[in-house]
PDB file of all heavy atoms in Angstrom:
ATOM      1  N   ASN A   1      -4.402   7.020  23.350  1.00  0.00           N
ATOM      2  CA  ASN A   1      -4.678   6.854  21.920  1.00  0.00           C
ATOM      3  C   ASN A   1      -3.425   6.533  21.095  1.00  0.00           C
ATOM      4  O   ASN A   1      -3.235   7.082  20.009  1.00  0.00           O
ATOM      5  CB  ASN A   1      -5.393   8.077  21.346  1.00  0.00           C
ATOM      6  CG  ASN A   1      -6.745   8.269  21.954  1.00  0.00           C
ATOM      7  OD1 ASN A   1      -7.444   7.292  22.230  1.00  0.00           O
ATOM      8  ND2 ASN A   1      -7.117   9.502  22.207  1.00  0.00           N
ATOM      9  N   VAL A   2      -2.562   5.702  21.647  1.00  0.00           N
ATOM     10  CA  VAL A   2      -1.359   5.272  20.946  1.00  0.00           C
ATOM     11  C   VAL A   2      -1.630   3.846  20.477  1.00  0.00           C
ATOM     12  O   VAL A   2      -1.929   2.958  21.276  1.00  0.00           O
ATOM     13  CB  VAL A   2      -0.117   5.286  21.848  1.00  0.00           C
ATOM     14  CG1 VAL A   2       1.086   4.717  21.133  1.00  0.00           C
ATOM     15  CG2 VAL A   2       0.164   6.703  22.320  1.00  0.00           C
ATOM     16  N   THR A   3      -1.532   3.652  19.166  1.00  0.00           N
ATOM     17  CA  THR A   3      -1.726   2.314  18.624  1.00  0.00           C
ATOM     18  C   THR A   3      -0.385   1.844  18.077  1.00  0.00           C
ATOM     19  O   THR A   3       0.309   2.590  17.395  1.00  0.00           O
ATOM     20  CB  THR A   3      -2.781   2.295  17.499  1.00  0.00           C
ATOM     21  OG1 THR A   3      -2.382   3.204  16.478  1.00  0.00           O
ATOM     22  CG2 THR A   3      -4.126   2.693  18.019  1.00  0.00           C
ATOM     23  N   VAL A   4      -0.050   0.623  18.388  1.00  0.00           N
ATOM     24  CA  VAL A   4       1.214   0.050  17.897  1.00  0.00           C
ATOM     25  C   VAL A   4       0.818  -1.121  17.004  1.00  0.00           C
ATOM     26  O   VAL A   4       0.116  -2.028  17.431  1.00  0.00           O
ATOM     27  CB  VAL A   4       2.053  -0.421  19.085  1.00  0.00           C
ATOM     28  CG1 VAL A   4       3.367  -1.030  18.566  1.00  0.00           C
ATOM     29  CG2 VAL A   4       2.355   0.725  20.013  1.00  0.00           C
ATOM     30  N   LYS A   5       1.230  -1.046  15.775  1.00  0.00           N
ATOM     31  CA  LYS A   5       0.919  -2.098  14.812  1.00  0.00           C
ATOM     32  C   LYS A   5       1.897  -3.264  15.012  1.00  0.00           C
ATOM     33  O   LYS A   5       3.085  -3.046  15.261  1.00  0.00           O
ATOM     34  CB  LYS A   5       1.010  -1.587  13.383  1.00  0.00           C
ATOM     35  CG  LYS A   5       0.080  -0.421  13.115  1.00  0.00           C
ATOM     36  CD  LYS A   5      -1.362  -0.844  13.272  1.00  0.00           C
ATOM     37  CE  LYS A   5      -2.289   0.306  12.975  1.00  0.00           C
ATOM     38  NZ  LYS A   5      -3.623   0.028  13.311  1.00  0.00           N
ATOM     39  N   LYS A   6       1.372  -4.456  14.839  1.00  0.00           N
ATOM     40  CA  LYS A   6       2.238  -5.636  14.941  1.00  0.00           C
ATOM     41  C   LYS A   6       3.104  -5.731  13.716  1.00  0.00           C
ATOM     42  O   LYS A   6       2.775  -5.237  12.644  1.00  0.00           O
ATOM     43  CB  LYS A   6       1.378  -6.890  15.093  1.00  0.00           C
ATOM     44  CG  LYS A   6       0.658  -6.951  16.384  1.00  0.00           C
ATOM     45  CD  LYS A   6      -0.077  -8.266  16.482  1.00  0.00           C
ATOM     46  CE  LYS A   6      -0.766  -8.367  17.812  1.00  0.00           C
ATOM     47  NZ  LYS A   6      -1.489  -9.607  17.954  1.00  0.00           N
ATOM     48  N   LYS A   7       4.207  -6.423  13.882  1.00  0.00           N
ATOM     49  CA  LYS A   7       5.100  -6.669  12.749  1.00  0.00           C
ATOM     50  C   LYS A   7       4.365  -7.578  11.748  1.00  0.00           C
ATOM     51  O   LYS A   7       3.515  -8.356  12.124  1.00  0.00           O
ATOM     52  CB  LYS A   7       6.375  -7.319  13.205  1.00  0.00           C
ATOM     53  CG  LYS A   7       7.200  -6.451  14.125  1.00  0.00           C
ATOM     54  CD  LYS A   7       8.408  -7.184  14.602  1.00  0.00           C
ATOM     55  CE  LYS A   7       9.140  -6.365  15.612  1.00  0.00           C
ATOM     56  NZ  LYS A   7      10.226  -7.093  16.230  1.00  0.00           N
ATOM     57  N   ALA A   8       4.747  -7.480  10.503  1.00  0.00           N
ATOM     58  CA  ALA A   8       4.063  -8.255   9.453  1.00  0.00           C
ATOM     59  C   ALA A   8       4.191  -9.749   9.697  1.00  0.00           C
ATOM     60  O   ALA A   8       3.297 -10.531   9.433  1.00  0.00           O
ATOM     61  CB  ALA A   8       4.599  -7.865   8.083  1.00  0.00           C
ATOM     62  N   CYS A   9       5.318 -10.199  10.206  1.00  0.00           N
ATOM     63  CA  CYS A   9       5.549 -11.637  10.415  1.00  0.00           C
ATOM     64  C   CYS A   9       5.496 -11.980  11.896  1.00  0.00           C
ATOM     65  O   CYS A   9       6.207 -12.873  12.366  1.00  0.00           O
ATOM     66  CB  CYS A   9       6.900 -12.059   9.847  1.00  0.00           C
ATOM     67  SG  CYS A   9       6.882 -12.158   8.089  1.00  0.00           S
ATOM     68  N   ALA A  10       4.681 -11.295  12.649  1.00  0.00           N
ATOM     69  CA  ALA A  10       4.636 -11.535  14.098  1.00  0.00           C
ATOM     70  C   ALA A  10       4.203 -12.936  14.419  1.00  0.00           C
ATOM     71  O   ALA A  10       4.646 -13.542  15.376  1.00  0.00           O
ATOM     72  CB  ALA A  10       3.724 -10.525  14.759  1.00  0.00           C
ATOM     73  N   ARG A  11       3.313 -13.520  13.615  1.00  0.00           N
ATOM     74  CA  ARG A  11       2.935 -14.915  13.869  1.00  0.00           C
ATOM     75  C   ARG A  11       2.650 -15.584  12.552  1.00  0.00           C
ATOM     76  O   ARG A  11       2.371 -14.973  11.534  1.00  0.00           O
ATOM     77  CB  ARG A  11       1.745 -14.981  14.790  1.00  0.00           C
ATOM     78  CG  ARG A  11       0.473 -14.478  14.194  1.00  0.00           C
ATOM     79  CD  ARG A  11      -0.624 -14.448  15.188  1.00  0.00           C
ATOM     80  NE  ARG A  11      -1.656 -13.662  14.523  1.00  0.00           N
ATOM     81  CZ  ARG A  11      -2.933 -13.901  14.604  1.00  0.00           C
ATOM     82  NH1 ARG A  11      -3.363 -14.861  15.352  1.00  0.00           N
ATOM     83  NH2 ARG A  11      -3.773 -13.164  13.960  1.00  0.00           N
ATOM     84  N   ARG A  12       2.676 -16.872  12.579  1.00  0.00           N
ATOM     85  CA  ARG A  12       2.459 -17.633  11.360  1.00  0.00           C
ATOM     86  C   ARG A  12       0.996 -17.631  10.981  1.00  0.00           C
ATOM     87  O   ARG A  12       0.131 -17.539  11.824  1.00  0.00           O
ATOM     88  CB  ARG A  12       2.935 -19.074  11.561  1.00  0.00           C
ATOM     89  CG  ARG A  12       4.417 -19.164  11.750  1.00  0.00           C
ATOM     90  CD  ARG A  12       4.819 -20.607  11.945  1.00  0.00           C
ATOM     91  NE  ARG A  12       6.228 -20.684  11.756  1.00  0.00           N
ATOM     92  CZ  ARG A  12       6.786 -21.556  10.942  1.00  0.00           C
ATOM     93  NH1 ARG A  12       6.090 -22.397  10.277  1.00  0.00           N
ATOM     94  NH2 ARG A  12       8.093 -21.560  10.824  1.00  0.00           N
ATOM     95  N   SER A  13       0.771 -17.786   9.725  1.00  0.00           N
ATOM     96  CA  SER A  13      -0.586 -17.880   9.228  1.00  0.00           C
ATOM     97  C   SER A  13      -1.207 -19.199   9.685  1.00  0.00           C
ATOM     98  O   SER A  13      -0.562 -20.242   9.634  1.00  0.00           O
ATOM     99  CB  SER A  13      -0.583 -17.824   7.694  1.00  0.00           C
ATOM    100  OG  SER A  13      -1.882 -18.107   7.201  1.00  0.00           O
ATOM    101  N   LYS A  14      -2.437 -19.160  10.125  1.00  0.00           N
ATOM    102  CA  LYS A  14      -3.103 -20.386  10.526  1.00  0.00           C
ATOM    103  C   LYS A  14      -3.570 -21.188   9.304  1.00  0.00           C
ATOM    104  O   LYS A  14      -3.802 -22.379   9.407  1.00  0.00           O
ATOM    105  CB  LYS A  14      -4.336 -20.060  11.382  1.00  0.00           C
ATOM    106  CG  LYS A  14      -3.969 -19.469  12.717  1.00  0.00           C
ATOM    107  CD  LYS A  14      -5.215 -19.180  13.514  1.00  0.00           C
ATOM    108  CE  LYS A  14      -4.886 -18.565  14.850  1.00  0.00           C
ATOM    109  NZ  LYS A  14      -6.041 -18.229  15.620  1.00  0.00           N
ATOM    110  N   ASN A  15      -3.692 -20.494   8.184  1.00  0.00           N
ATOM    111  CA  ASN A  15      -4.276 -21.153   6.997  1.00  0.00           C
ATOM    112  C   ASN A  15      -3.246 -21.730   6.052  1.00  0.00           C
ATOM    113  O   ASN A  15      -3.548 -22.609   5.296  1.00  0.00           O
ATOM    114  CB  ASN A  15      -5.145 -20.161   6.233  1.00  0.00           C
ATOM    115  CG  ASN A  15      -6.274 -19.658   7.074  1.00  0.00           C
ATOM    116  OD1 ASN A  15      -6.699 -20.348   7.983  1.00  0.00           O
ATOM    117  ND2 ASN A  15      -6.750 -18.472   6.810  1.00  0.00           N
ATOM    118  N   GLY A  16      -2.068 -21.189   6.045  1.00  0.00           N
ATOM    119  CA  GLY A  16      -1.111 -21.695   5.061  1.00  0.00           C
ATOM    120  C   GLY A  16       0.293 -21.294   5.369  1.00  0.00           C
ATOM    121  O   GLY A  16       0.564 -20.509   6.276  1.00  0.00           O
ATOM    122  N   ARG A  17       1.225 -21.786   4.555  1.00  0.00           N
ATOM    123  CA  ARG A  17       2.644 -21.458   4.741  1.00  0.00           C
ATOM    124  C   ARG A  17       2.860 -20.005   4.368  1.00  0.00           C
ATOM    125  O   ARG A  17       2.198 -19.459   3.503  1.00  0.00           O
ATOM    126  CB  ARG A  17       3.495 -22.342   3.833  1.00  0.00           C
ATOM    127  CG  ARG A  17       3.326 -23.806   4.062  1.00  0.00           C
ATOM    128  CD  ARG A  17       4.184 -24.561   3.103  1.00  0.00           C
ATOM    129  NE  ARG A  17       3.952 -24.118   1.729  1.00  0.00           N
ATOM    130  CZ  ARG A  17       4.079 -24.882   0.661  1.00  0.00           C
ATOM    131  NH1 ARG A  17       4.481 -26.105   0.795  1.00  0.00           N
ATOM    132  NH2 ARG A  17       3.840 -24.403  -0.537  1.00  0.00           N
ATOM    133  N   THR A  18       3.849 -19.447   4.962  1.00  0.00           N
ATOM    134  CA  THR A  18       4.243 -18.099   4.584  1.00  0.00           C
ATOM    135  C   THR A  18       5.743 -18.122   4.308  1.00  0.00           C
ATOM    136  O   THR A  18       6.477 -18.972   4.794  1.00  0.00           O
ATOM    137  CB  THR A  18       3.980 -17.069   5.714  1.00  0.00           C
ATOM    138  OG1 THR A  18       4.674 -17.470   6.878  1.00  0.00           O
ATOM    139  CG2 THR A  18       2.502 -16.951   5.980  1.00  0.00           C
ATOM    140  N   TRP A  19       6.211 -17.182   3.531  1.00  0.00           N
ATOM    141  CA  TRP A  19       7.622 -17.073   3.240  1.00  0.00           C
ATOM    142  C   TRP A  19       7.956 -15.605   3.288  1.00  0.00           C
ATOM    143  O   TRP A  19       7.132 -14.741   3.037  1.00  0.00           O
ATOM    144  CB  TRP A  19       7.986 -17.703   1.915  1.00  0.00           C
ATOM    145  CG  TRP A  19       7.271 -17.155   0.727  1.00  0.00           C
ATOM    146  CD1 TRP A  19       6.016 -17.464   0.303  1.00  0.00           C
ATOM    147  CD2 TRP A  19       7.778 -16.191  -0.190  1.00  0.00           C
ATOM    148  NE1 TRP A  19       5.698 -16.756  -0.801  1.00  0.00           N
ATOM    149  CE2 TRP A  19       6.759 -15.966  -1.140  1.00  0.00           C
ATOM    150  CE3 TRP A  19       8.958 -15.484  -0.314  1.00  0.00           C
ATOM    151  CZ2 TRP A  19       6.882 -15.042  -2.181  1.00  0.00           C
ATOM    152  CZ3 TRP A  19       9.095 -14.602  -1.350  1.00  0.00           C
ATOM    153  CH2 TRP A  19       8.070 -14.396  -2.275  1.00  0.00           C
ATOM    154  N   ARG A  20       9.194 -15.324   3.596  1.00  0.00           N
ATOM    155  CA  ARG A  20       9.622 -13.943   3.678  1.00  0.00           C
ATOM    156  C   ARG A  20      10.066 -13.493   2.271  1.00  0.00           C
ATOM    157  O   ARG A  20      10.965 -14.078   1.685  1.00  0.00           O
ATOM    158  CB  ARG A  20      10.786 -13.780   4.635  1.00  0.00           C
ATOM    159  CG  ARG A  20      10.388 -13.914   6.073  1.00  0.00           C
ATOM    160  CD  ARG A  20      11.590 -13.600   6.943  1.00  0.00           C
ATOM    161  NE  ARG A  20      11.235 -13.640   8.326  1.00  0.00           N
ATOM    162  CZ  ARG A  20      10.874 -12.620   9.057  1.00  0.00           C
ATOM    163  NH1 ARG A  20      10.771 -11.415   8.499  1.00  0.00           N
ATOM    164  NH2 ARG A  20      10.558 -12.751  10.320  1.00  0.00           N
ATOM    165  N   GLY A  21       9.438 -12.447   1.819  1.00  0.00           N
ATOM    166  CA  GLY A  21       9.878 -11.834   0.599  1.00  0.00           C
ATOM    167  C   GLY A  21      10.565 -10.537   0.923  1.00  0.00           C
ATOM    168  O   GLY A  21      10.339  -9.948   1.948  1.00  0.00           O
ATOM    169  N   HIS A  22      11.419 -10.086   0.092  1.00  0.00           N
ATOM    170  CA  HIS A  22      12.102  -8.828   0.349  1.00  0.00           C
ATOM    171  C   HIS A  22      11.245  -7.690  -0.111  1.00  0.00           C
ATOM    172  O   HIS A  22      10.595  -7.729  -1.162  1.00  0.00           O
ATOM    173  CB  HIS A  22      13.447  -8.802  -0.397  1.00  0.00           C
ATOM    174  CG  HIS A  22      14.395  -9.833   0.099  1.00  0.00           C
ATOM    175  ND1 HIS A  22      15.062  -9.708   1.303  1.00  0.00           N
ATOM    176  CD2 HIS A  22      14.760 -11.026  -0.413  1.00  0.00           C
ATOM    177  CE1 HIS A  22      15.797 -10.789   1.478  1.00  0.00           C
ATOM    178  NE2 HIS A  22      15.669 -11.613   0.455  1.00  0.00           N
ATOM    179  N   GLY A  23      11.221  -6.632   0.693  1.00  0.00           N
ATOM    180  CA  GLY A  23      10.473  -5.452   0.300  1.00  0.00           C
ATOM    181  C   GLY A  23      11.158  -4.791  -0.865  1.00  0.00           C
ATOM    182  O   GLY A  23      12.308  -5.043  -1.193  1.00  0.00           O
ATOM    183  N   GLY A  24      10.444  -3.915  -1.520  1.00  0.00           N
ATOM    184  CA  GLY A  24      10.990  -3.207  -2.656  1.00  0.00           C
ATOM    185  C   GLY A  24      12.048  -2.207  -2.244  1.00  0.00           C
ATOM    186  O   GLY A  24      12.459  -2.123  -1.092  1.00  0.00           O
ATOM    187  N   ALA A  25      12.514  -1.406  -3.163  1.00  0.00           N
ATOM    188  CA  ALA A  25      13.548  -0.407  -2.888  1.00  0.00           C
ATOM    189  C   ALA A  25      13.019   0.552  -1.827  1.00  0.00           C
ATOM    190  O   ALA A  25      11.886   1.011  -1.884  1.00  0.00           O
ATOM    191  CB  ALA A  25      13.889   0.344  -4.171  1.00  0.00           C
ATOM    192  N   GLY A  26      13.886   0.845  -0.896  1.00  0.00           N
ATOM    193  CA  GLY A  26      13.522   1.793   0.174  1.00  0.00           C
ATOM    194  C   GLY A  26      12.880   1.127   1.381  1.00  0.00           C
ATOM    195  O   GLY A  26      12.597   1.789   2.373  1.00  0.00           O
ATOM    196  N   PHE A  27      12.622  -0.171   1.354  1.00  0.00           N
ATOM    197  CA  PHE A  27      12.022  -0.862   2.478  1.00  0.00           C
ATOM    198  C   PHE A  27      13.110  -1.535   3.270  1.00  0.00           C
ATOM    199  O   PHE A  27      13.827  -2.391   2.774  1.00  0.00           O
ATOM    200  CB  PHE A  27      11.015  -1.934   2.007  1.00  0.00           C
ATOM    201  CG  PHE A  27       9.764  -1.323   1.439  1.00  0.00           C
ATOM    202  CD1 PHE A  27       9.614  -1.153   0.105  1.00  0.00           C
ATOM    203  CD2 PHE A  27       8.739  -0.954   2.290  1.00  0.00           C
ATOM    204  CE1 PHE A  27       8.464  -0.608  -0.431  1.00  0.00           C
ATOM    205  CE2 PHE A  27       7.588  -0.396   1.791  1.00  0.00           C
ATOM    206  CZ  PHE A  27       7.436  -0.227   0.441  1.00  0.00           C
ATOM    207  N   ALA A  28      13.202  -1.147   4.550  1.00  0.00           N
ATOM    208  CA  ALA A  28      14.226  -1.774   5.390  1.00  0.00           C
ATOM    209  C   ALA A  28      13.713  -3.082   5.979  1.00  0.00           C
ATOM    210  O   ALA A  28      14.480  -3.958   6.315  1.00  0.00           O
ATOM    211  CB  ALA A  28      14.607  -0.825   6.511  1.00  0.00           C
ATOM    212  N   SER A  29      12.406  -3.206   6.110  1.00  0.00           N
ATOM    213  CA  SER A  29      11.871  -4.425   6.703  1.00  0.00           C
ATOM    214  C   SER A  29      11.453  -5.422   5.643  1.00  0.00           C
ATOM    215  O   SER A  29      11.314  -5.077   4.476  1.00  0.00           O
ATOM    216  CB  SER A  29      10.638  -4.092   7.539  1.00  0.00           C
ATOM    217  OG  SER A  29       9.624  -3.584   6.715  1.00  0.00           O
ATOM    218  N   LYS A  30      11.296  -6.650   6.064  1.00  0.00           N
ATOM    219  CA  LYS A  30      10.856  -7.683   5.139  1.00  0.00           C
ATOM    220  C   LYS A  30       9.350  -7.854   5.295  1.00  0.00           C
ATOM    221  O   LYS A  30       8.775  -7.563   6.312  1.00  0.00           O
ATOM    222  CB  LYS A  30      11.566  -8.986   5.443  1.00  0.00           C
ATOM    223  CG  LYS A  30      13.047  -8.868   5.224  1.00  0.00           C
ATOM    224  CD  LYS A  30      13.713 -10.201   5.424  1.00  0.00           C
ATOM    225  CE  LYS A  30      15.190 -10.092   5.086  1.00  0.00           C
ATOM    226  NZ  LYS A  30      15.843 -11.373   5.212  1.00  0.00           N
TER     227      LYS A  30
END
């Protein structure tokens, strides 16, 4: 019962362009 979530940018969107935005204060990941 261990679930591992994928990274937010693990793959490109099939429907449209994506861009990396910076997370707010306290977020180490994008």
